[in-house]
Amino acid sequence: MDDATRTELEAAAFRALRAHLMEARPEVQNIDLMNMAGFCRNCLSRWYQEAATERGIDMTKDQARDIFYGMPYADWIAANQTDADPAKQAAFAEAIKAHQG
């Protein structure tokens, strides 16, 4: 497989993952994703920003989130995010420690 085709397939897989998280499963909370998988929508938007920066494209964290979420992040939170109970918050603290090494 040539590099251009591989890049196209990777981009298609990213778009499918984004659509799944944003459209098919918006009820899945970021904290649950972090606790179970070690990444969430915010990580994906950060990776998007980092890829832009590597290519010399200036992009802020908020701009990347707006692109990934398809709306201002505050609007996404208001429409989809629920409060995390203490057990989820404790698991998140542990997940962050493990993720950071």
Protein backbone atom coordinates (compact mmCIF):
# COMPACT_ATOMS: atom_id res chain seq x y z
CA MET A 1 0.00 0.00 0.00
CA ASP A 2 1.38 3.41 -0.89
CA ASP A 3 1.74 6.19 1.70
CA ALA A 4 -1.02 8.37 0.23
CA THR A 5 -3.56 5.54 0.39
CA ARG A 6 -2.49 4.65 3.94
CA THR A 7 -2.92 8.30 4.98
CA GLU A 8 -6.38 8.41 3.36
CA LEU A 9 -7.43 5.25 5.19
CA GLU A 10 -6.09 6.55 8.51
CA ALA A 11 -7.96 9.83 8.00
CA ALA A 12 -11.16 7.92 7.20
CA ALA A 13 -10.74 5.84 10.36
CA PHE A 14 -10.24 9.03 12.41
CA ARG A 15 -13.39 10.56 10.91
CA ALA A 16 -15.33 7.38 11.70
CA LEU A 17 -14.07 7.40 15.31
CA ARG A 18 -14.99 11.08 15.68
CA ALA A 19 -18.45 10.51 14.21
CA HIS A 20 -19.00 7.53 16.49
CA LEU A 21 -18.05 9.48 19.61
CA MET A 22 -19.83 12.69 18.64
CA GLU A 23 -22.94 11.44 16.85
CA ALA A 24 -23.57 7.80 17.67
CA ARG A 25 -22.45 7.84 21.33
CA PRO A 26 -22.47 11.40 22.70
CA GLU A 27 -23.83 10.06 26.00
CA VAL A 28 -20.51 8.32 26.71
CA GLN A 29 -18.75 10.64 29.11
CA ASN A 30 -15.15 11.75 28.59
CA ILE A 31 -14.28 10.69 32.14
CA ASP A 32 -15.51 7.16 31.38
CA LEU A 33 -13.41 7.06 28.21
CA MET A 34 -10.36 8.24 30.16
CA ASN A 35 -10.93 5.74 32.95
CA MET A 36 -11.42 2.81 30.59
CA ALA A 37 -9.30 3.62 27.54
CA GLY A 38 -6.80 6.24 28.69
CA PHE A 39 -7.98 8.82 26.16
CA CYS A 40 -11.08 10.89 25.43
CA ARG A 41 -12.46 13.45 23.01
CA ASN A 42 -10.22 16.13 24.53
CA CYS A 43 -7.17 13.96 23.87
CA LEU A 44 -8.22 13.57 20.25
CA SER A 45 -8.62 17.33 19.89
CA ARG A 46 -5.19 17.83 21.52
CA TRP A 47 -3.61 15.32 19.12
CA TYR A 48 -5.25 17.23 16.27
CA GLN A 49 -3.71 20.47 17.58
CA GLU A 50 -0.30 18.82 17.96
CA ALA A 51 -0.47 17.53 14.37
CA ALA A 52 -1.29 21.06 13.19
CA THR A 53 1.60 22.51 15.18
CA GLU A 54 4.01 19.91 13.74
CA ARG A 55 3.00 21.16 10.30
CA GLY A 56 3.53 24.83 11.17
CA ILE A 57 -0.18 25.62 11.59
CA ASP A 58 -0.93 27.86 14.56
CA MET A 59 -3.88 26.44 16.46
CA THR A 60 -4.95 26.99 20.04
CA LYS A 61 -6.39 24.32 22.31
CA ASP A 62 -9.79 26.01 22.05
CA GLN A 63 -9.64 26.13 18.25
CA ALA A 64 -8.78 22.44 18.10
CA ARG A 65 -11.63 21.59 20.45
CA ASP A 66 -14.08 23.66 18.41
CA ILE A 67 -12.98 21.79 15.27
CA PHE A 68 -13.17 18.36 16.88
CA TYR A 69 -16.43 18.96 18.77
CA GLY A 70 -17.99 20.80 15.82
CA MET A 71 -19.12 23.52 18.22
CA PRO A 72 -17.73 25.55 21.09
CA TYR A 73 -16.57 23.19 23.83
CA ALA A 74 -18.77 24.96 26.40
CA ASP A 75 -21.82 24.16 24.25
CA TRP A 76 -20.83 20.47 24.12
CA ILE A 77 -20.43 20.39 27.89
CA ALA A 78 -23.82 22.02 28.44
CA ALA A 79 -25.56 19.61 26.08
CA ASN A 80 -23.80 16.34 26.92
CA GLN A 81 -21.65 16.29 30.03
CA THR A 82 -22.95 15.06 33.35
CA ASP A 83 -21.40 15.41 36.79
CA ALA A 84 -18.97 12.66 37.70
CA ASP A 85 -19.55 10.91 40.99
CA PRO A 86 -16.70 10.60 43.53
CA ALA A 87 -15.85 7.06 42.43
CA LYS A 88 -15.37 8.16 38.81
CA GLN A 89 -13.32 11.14 39.94
CA ALA A 90 -11.07 8.88 42.05
CA ALA A 91 -10.65 6.46 39.14
CA PHE A 92 -9.80 9.41 36.89
CA ALA A 93 -7.10 10.60 39.31
CA GLU A 94 -5.55 7.12 39.20
CA ALA A 95 -5.87 6.91 35.42
CA ILE A 96 -4.08 10.25 35.03
CA LYS A 97 -1.23 9.06 37.28
CA ALA A 98 -0.87 5.88 35.23
CA HIS A 99 -1.09 7.79 31.95
CA GLN A 100 1.60 10.25 32.99
CA GLY A 101 3.92 7.45 34.00
